[in-house]
Amino acid sequence: MKKAVIRRGFAAVALAAMLIPAMPGSASAAGLITCTAAGTVTFVNGDTDSWGVSGKGSCQGDFQGTYFLDFSGSGTSDTLGLCDSGLLVQNLDINVVGSLTNAQTLIPKFFSHNWSSPLTTYPVVTPFLLSDSDGLAGVGAFFNHIFLMCTGPTVAQFDFAFLS
């Protein structure tokens, strides 16, 4: 059952990633970068729920080769999905900063993204929109490795794609 949910999540992200080139303004973009990473998701239940994400992985795309990925972020939401009294996460808003280091040249590129969703799910699969200073730039999702884990930092996989 868990593998089927993850496969559906990957399929949704892949479909959304295919739609990114059709977004307005993408004709002038340098290219699509796709990333996968392992890391952790933390959250604290409060009046405004707080989130933390961090991960390391790799990215490809934009005709510049493979990148080493390193990122971290923090943010808020109004609810925590299955980890509080609701079923869905409302108003997820996580600010993420990171670096992409070219594997061949070791030259880094830095990024600042906002991962957000007015309505999403947690803890199994959490899809989100990715925006930068120019607006909507991509899509992504993070997947918890331990089904319905609602305590402590949880191990997660992050998959996202964005226009560079």
C-alpha atoms as a PDB file:
ATOM      1  CA  MET A   1       0.000   0.000   0.000  1.00  0.00           C
ATOM      2  CA  LYS A   2       2.761   2.465   0.975  1.00  0.00           C
ATOM      3  CA  LYS A   3       4.663   1.812  -2.281  1.00  0.00           C
ATOM      4  CA  ALA A   4       1.502   2.499  -4.285  1.00  0.00           C
ATOM      5  CA  VAL A   5       1.032   5.857  -2.513  1.00  0.00           C
ATOM      6  CA  ILE A   6       4.659   6.785  -3.182  1.00  0.00           C
ATOM      7  CA  ARG A   7       4.383   5.761  -6.848  1.00  0.00           C
ATOM      8  CA  ARG A   8       1.272   7.919  -7.225  1.00  0.00           C
ATOM      9  CA  GLY A   9       3.116  10.814  -5.599  1.00  0.00           C
ATOM     10  CA  PHE A  10       6.070  10.418  -7.969  1.00  0.00           C
ATOM     11  CA  ALA A  11       3.678  10.273 -10.909  1.00  0.00           C
ATOM     12  CA  ALA A  12       1.976  13.485  -9.782  1.00  0.00           C
ATOM     13  CA  VAL A  13       5.307  15.285  -9.397  1.00  0.00           C
ATOM     14  CA  ALA A  14       6.522  13.995 -12.774  1.00  0.00           C
ATOM     15  CA  LEU A  15       3.330  15.170 -14.469  1.00  0.00           C
ATOM     16  CA  ALA A  16       3.593  18.573 -12.813  1.00  0.00           C
ATOM     17  CA  ALA A  17       7.269  18.824 -13.796  1.00  0.00           C
ATOM     18  CA  MET A  18       6.312  18.204 -17.423  1.00  0.00           C
ATOM     19  CA  LEU A  19       3.895  21.144 -17.193  1.00  0.00           C
ATOM     20  CA  ILE A  20       6.529  23.611 -15.941  1.00  0.00           C
ATOM     21  CA  PRO A  21       7.864  24.477 -19.428  1.00  0.00           C
ATOM     22  CA  ALA A  22       4.341  25.569 -20.379  1.00  0.00           C
ATOM     23  CA  MET A  23       4.247  28.156 -17.583  1.00  0.00           C
ATOM     24  CA  PRO A  24       4.239  31.833 -18.605  1.00  0.00           C
ATOM     25  CA  GLY A  25       7.714  33.314 -18.831  1.00  0.00           C
ATOM     26  CA  SER A  26       9.470  29.967 -19.123  1.00  0.00           C
ATOM     27  CA  ALA A  27      10.671  30.639 -22.666  1.00  0.00           C
ATOM     28  CA  SER A  28      13.414  32.903 -21.312  1.00  0.00           C
ATOM     29  CA  ALA A  29      14.432  30.443 -18.583  1.00  0.00           C
ATOM     30  CA  ALA A  30      17.836  28.772 -18.756  1.00  0.00           C
ATOM     31  CA  GLY A  31      16.320  25.340 -18.190  1.00  0.00           C
ATOM     32  CA  LEU A  32      14.559  22.916 -15.939  1.00  0.00           C
ATOM     33  CA  ILE A  33      16.474  21.513 -12.976  1.00  0.00           C
ATOM     34  CA  THR A  34      15.177  18.331 -11.326  1.00  0.00           C
ATOM     35  CA  CYS A  35      16.336  17.356  -7.846  1.00  0.00           C
ATOM     36  CA  THR A  36      16.061  14.446  -5.463  1.00  0.00           C
ATOM     37  CA  ALA A  37      17.347  14.499  -1.897  1.00  0.00           C
ATOM     38  CA  ALA A  38      17.202  12.708   1.415  1.00  0.00           C
ATOM     39  CA  GLY A  39      16.761  14.665   4.609  1.00  0.00           C
ATOM     40  CA  THR A  40      14.509  15.434   7.531  1.00  0.00           C
ATOM     41  CA  VAL A  41      11.211  17.184   8.222  1.00  0.00           C
ATOM     42  CA  THR A  42      10.510  18.612  11.664  1.00  0.00           C
ATOM     43  CA  PHE A  43       7.431  20.381  12.958  1.00  0.00           C
ATOM     44  CA  VAL A  44       6.127  21.853  16.186  1.00  0.00           C
ATOM     45  CA  ASN A  45       2.414  22.027  16.913  1.00  0.00           C
ATOM     46  CA  GLY A  46       1.402  25.452  18.253  1.00  0.00           C
ATOM     47  CA  ASP A  47      -0.888  28.416  17.579  1.00  0.00           C
ATOM     48  CA  THR A  48       0.947  28.642  14.261  1.00  0.00           C
ATOM     49  CA  ASP A  49       2.615  25.351  13.436  1.00  0.00           C
ATOM     50  CA  SER A  50       6.320  25.637  12.609  1.00  0.00           C
ATOM     51  CA  TRP A  51       8.226  23.525  10.098  1.00  0.00           C
ATOM     52  CA  GLY A  52      11.855  22.761   9.336  1.00  0.00           C
ATOM     53  CA  VAL A  53      13.285  20.926   6.333  1.00  0.00           C
ATOM     54  CA  SER A  54      16.839  20.027   5.395  1.00  0.00           C
ATOM     55  CA  GLY A  55      18.399  17.710   2.874  1.00  0.00           C
ATOM     56  CA  LYS A  56      21.260  16.725   0.637  1.00  0.00           C
ATOM     57  CA  GLY A  57      21.061  15.141  -2.790  1.00  0.00           C
ATOM     58  CA  SER A  58      21.656  15.768  -6.441  1.00  0.00           C
ATOM     59  CA  CYS A  59      20.115  17.718  -9.307  1.00  0.00           C
ATOM     60  CA  GLN A  60      20.347  17.610 -13.085  1.00  0.00           C
ATOM     61  CA  GLY A  61      19.274  19.868 -15.877  1.00  0.00           C
ATOM     62  CA  ASP A  62      19.886  23.264 -17.450  1.00  0.00           C
ATOM     63  CA  PHE A  63      22.573  21.704 -19.684  1.00  0.00           C
ATOM     64  CA  GLN A  64      25.214  22.314 -16.986  1.00  0.00           C
ATOM     65  CA  GLY A  65      25.646  18.716 -15.782  1.00  0.00           C
ATOM     66  CA  THR A  66      25.005  17.217 -12.368  1.00  0.00           C
ATOM     67  CA  TYR A  67      24.863  19.269  -9.171  1.00  0.00           C
ATOM     68  CA  PHE A  68      25.389  18.418  -5.512  1.00  0.00           C
ATOM     69  CA  LEU A  69      22.351  19.773  -3.625  1.00  0.00           C
ATOM     70  CA  ASP A  70      22.329  21.107  -0.059  1.00  0.00           C
ATOM     71  CA  PHE A  71      19.303  22.955   1.405  1.00  0.00           C
ATOM     72  CA  SER A  72      17.517  23.921   4.595  1.00  0.00           C
ATOM     73  CA  GLY A  73      14.399  25.872   5.384  1.00  0.00           C
ATOM     74  CA  SER A  74      11.832  26.888   7.951  1.00  0.00           C
ATOM     75  CA  GLY A  75       8.250  28.034   7.846  1.00  0.00           C
ATOM     76  CA  THR A  76       4.720  27.772   9.146  1.00  0.00           C
ATOM     77  CA  SER A  77       1.269  26.343   8.489  1.00  0.00           C
ATOM     78  CA  ASP A  78      -2.143  26.651  10.114  1.00  0.00           C
ATOM     79  CA  THR A  79      -2.596  22.887  10.595  1.00  0.00           C
ATOM     80  CA  LEU A  80      -0.458  19.720  10.470  1.00  0.00           C
ATOM     81  CA  GLY A  81      -2.693  17.358   8.526  1.00  0.00           C
ATOM     82  CA  LEU A  82      -2.954  13.933  10.141  1.00  0.00           C
ATOM     83  CA  CYS A  83      -0.532  15.045  12.887  1.00  0.00           C
ATOM     84  CA  ASP A  84      -3.116  17.295  14.555  1.00  0.00           C
ATOM     85  CA  SER A  85      -6.903  17.413  14.628  1.00  0.00           C
ATOM     86  CA  GLY A  86      -7.312  17.931  10.870  1.00  0.00           C
ATOM     87  CA  LEU A  87      -6.855  15.802   7.800  1.00  0.00           C
ATOM     88  CA  LEU A  88      -5.091  18.400   5.650  1.00  0.00           C
ATOM     89  CA  VAL A  89      -2.291  20.926   6.027  1.00  0.00           C
ATOM     90  CA  GLN A  90      -3.545  24.467   5.465  1.00  0.00           C
ATOM     91  CA  ASN A  91      -1.379  27.383   4.308  1.00  0.00           C
ATOM     92  CA  LEU A  92       1.985  25.637   4.221  1.00  0.00           C
ATOM     93  CA  ASP A  93       4.726  28.252   3.736  1.00  0.00           C
ATOM     94  CA  ILE A  94       8.405  27.217   3.993  1.00  0.00           C
ATOM     95  CA  ASN A  95      11.337  29.450   2.995  1.00  0.00           C
ATOM     96  CA  VAL A  96      14.185  27.311   1.649  1.00  0.00           C
ATOM     97  CA  VAL A  97      17.754  28.361   0.882  1.00  0.00           C
ATOM     98  CA  GLY A  98      20.411  26.169  -0.634  1.00  0.00           C
ATOM     99  CA  SER A  99      23.206  25.609  -3.032  1.00  0.00           C
ATOM    100  CA  LEU A 100      23.779  23.658  -6.210  1.00  0.00           C
ATOM    101  CA  THR A 101      27.462  22.816  -6.682  1.00  0.00           C
ATOM    102  CA  ASN A 102      28.459  21.724 -10.170  1.00  0.00           C
ATOM    103  CA  ALA A 103      29.954  18.229  -9.831  1.00  0.00           C
ATOM    104  CA  GLN A 104      32.554  18.847 -12.547  1.00  0.00           C
ATOM    105  CA  THR A 105      33.661  22.436 -11.887  1.00  0.00           C
ATOM    106  CA  LEU A 106      32.757  22.657  -8.160  1.00  0.00           C
ATOM    107  CA  ILE A 107      31.312  26.117  -8.828  1.00  0.00           C
ATOM    108  CA  PRO A 108      28.259  26.731  -6.602  1.00  0.00           C
ATOM    109  CA  LYS A 109      24.970  28.417  -7.499  1.00  0.00           C
ATOM    110  CA  PHE A 110      22.764  29.600  -4.660  1.00  0.00           C
ATOM    111  CA  PHE A 111      18.981  29.666  -4.536  1.00  0.00           C
ATOM    112  CA  SER A 112      16.167  30.957  -2.373  1.00  0.00           C
ATOM    113  CA  HIS A 113      12.747  29.359  -2.822  1.00  0.00           C
ATOM    114  CA  ASN A 114       9.386  29.407  -1.157  1.00  0.00           C
ATOM    115  CA  TRP A 115       7.645  26.041  -0.855  1.00  0.00           C
ATOM    116  CA  SER A 116       3.940  26.634  -0.336  1.00  0.00           C
ATOM    117  CA  SER A 117       0.498  25.182  -0.686  1.00  0.00           C
ATOM    118  CA  PRO A 118      -2.879  26.507   0.429  1.00  0.00           C
ATOM    119  CA  LEU A 119      -4.006  22.913   0.998  1.00  0.00           C
ATOM    120  CA  THR A 120      -1.822  19.792   1.064  1.00  0.00           C
ATOM    121  CA  THR A 121      -1.319  16.538   2.945  1.00  0.00           C
ATOM    122  CA  TYR A 122       1.078  15.347   5.640  1.00  0.00           C
ATOM    123  CA  PRO A 123       2.738  13.037   6.710  1.00  0.00           C
ATOM    124  CA  VAL A 124       2.695  10.536   3.831  1.00  0.00           C
ATOM    125  CA  VAL A 125       3.158  12.736   0.724  1.00  0.00           C
ATOM    126  CA  THR A 126       3.262  16.541   0.836  1.00  0.00           C
ATOM    127  CA  PRO A 127       3.029  18.202  -2.605  1.00  0.00           C
ATOM    128  CA  PHE A 128       3.905  21.899  -2.862  1.00  0.00           C
ATOM    129  CA  LEU A 129       4.418  24.751  -5.311  1.00  0.00           C
ATOM    130  CA  LEU A 130       7.887  26.257  -5.565  1.00  0.00           C
ATOM    131  CA  SER A 131       8.329  29.976  -6.201  1.00  0.00           C
ATOM    132  CA  ASP A 132      11.262  32.351  -6.354  1.00  0.00           C
ATOM    133  CA  SER A 133      11.583  36.130  -6.654  1.00  0.00           C
ATOM    134  CA  ASP A 134      10.180  35.941 -10.215  1.00  0.00           C
ATOM    135  CA  GLY A 135       7.059  34.011  -9.178  1.00  0.00           C
ATOM    136  CA  LEU A 136       5.990  30.405  -9.705  1.00  0.00           C
ATOM    137  CA  ALA A 137       9.078  28.412 -10.678  1.00  0.00           C
ATOM    138  CA  GLY A 138       8.282  24.747 -10.089  1.00  0.00           C
ATOM    139  CA  VAL A 139       6.662  21.961  -8.124  1.00  0.00           C
ATOM    140  CA  GLY A 140       7.717  19.328  -5.650  1.00  0.00           C
ATOM    141  CA  ALA A 141       6.786  16.917  -2.908  1.00  0.00           C
ATOM    142  CA  PHE A 142       8.338  15.374   0.142  1.00  0.00           C
ATOM    143  CA  PHE A 143       7.651  11.820   1.212  1.00  0.00           C
ATOM    144  CA  ASN A 144       8.011  10.469   4.728  1.00  0.00           C
ATOM    145  CA  HIS A 145       9.848   7.175   4.948  1.00  0.00           C
ATOM    146  CA  ILE A 146       8.084   6.073   8.141  1.00  0.00           C
ATOM    147  CA  PHE A 147       4.343   5.833   7.551  1.00  0.00           C
ATOM    148  CA  LEU A 148       2.278   8.254   9.678  1.00  0.00           C
ATOM    149  CA  MET A 149       5.259   9.314  11.842  1.00  0.00           C
ATOM    150  CA  CYS A 150       4.141  12.328  13.871  1.00  0.00           C
ATOM    151  CA  THR A 151       6.889  12.593  16.497  1.00  0.00           C
ATOM    152  CA  GLY A 152      10.433  13.907  16.309  1.00  0.00           C
ATOM    153  CA  PRO A 153      12.295  14.650  13.110  1.00  0.00           C
ATOM    154  CA  THR A 154      11.135  12.327  10.357  1.00  0.00           C
ATOM    155  CA  VAL A 155      13.303  11.020   7.558  1.00  0.00           C
ATOM    156  CA  ALA A 156      12.007  12.139   4.178  1.00  0.00           C
ATOM    157  CA  GLN A 157      12.725  12.117   0.477  1.00  0.00           C
ATOM    158  CA  PHE A 158      12.405  15.395  -1.417  1.00  0.00           C
ATOM    159  CA  ASP A 159      11.686  15.551  -5.145  1.00  0.00           C
ATOM    160  CA  PHE A 160      11.252  18.865  -6.900  1.00  0.00           C
ATOM    161  CA  ALA A 161      11.773  20.575 -10.238  1.00  0.00           C
ATOM    162  CA  PHE A 162      12.219  24.254 -11.004  1.00  0.00           C
ATOM    163  CA  LEU A 163      13.182  26.618 -13.758  1.00  0.00           C
ATOM    164  CA  SER A 164      16.644  28.104 -13.312  1.00  0.00           C
END
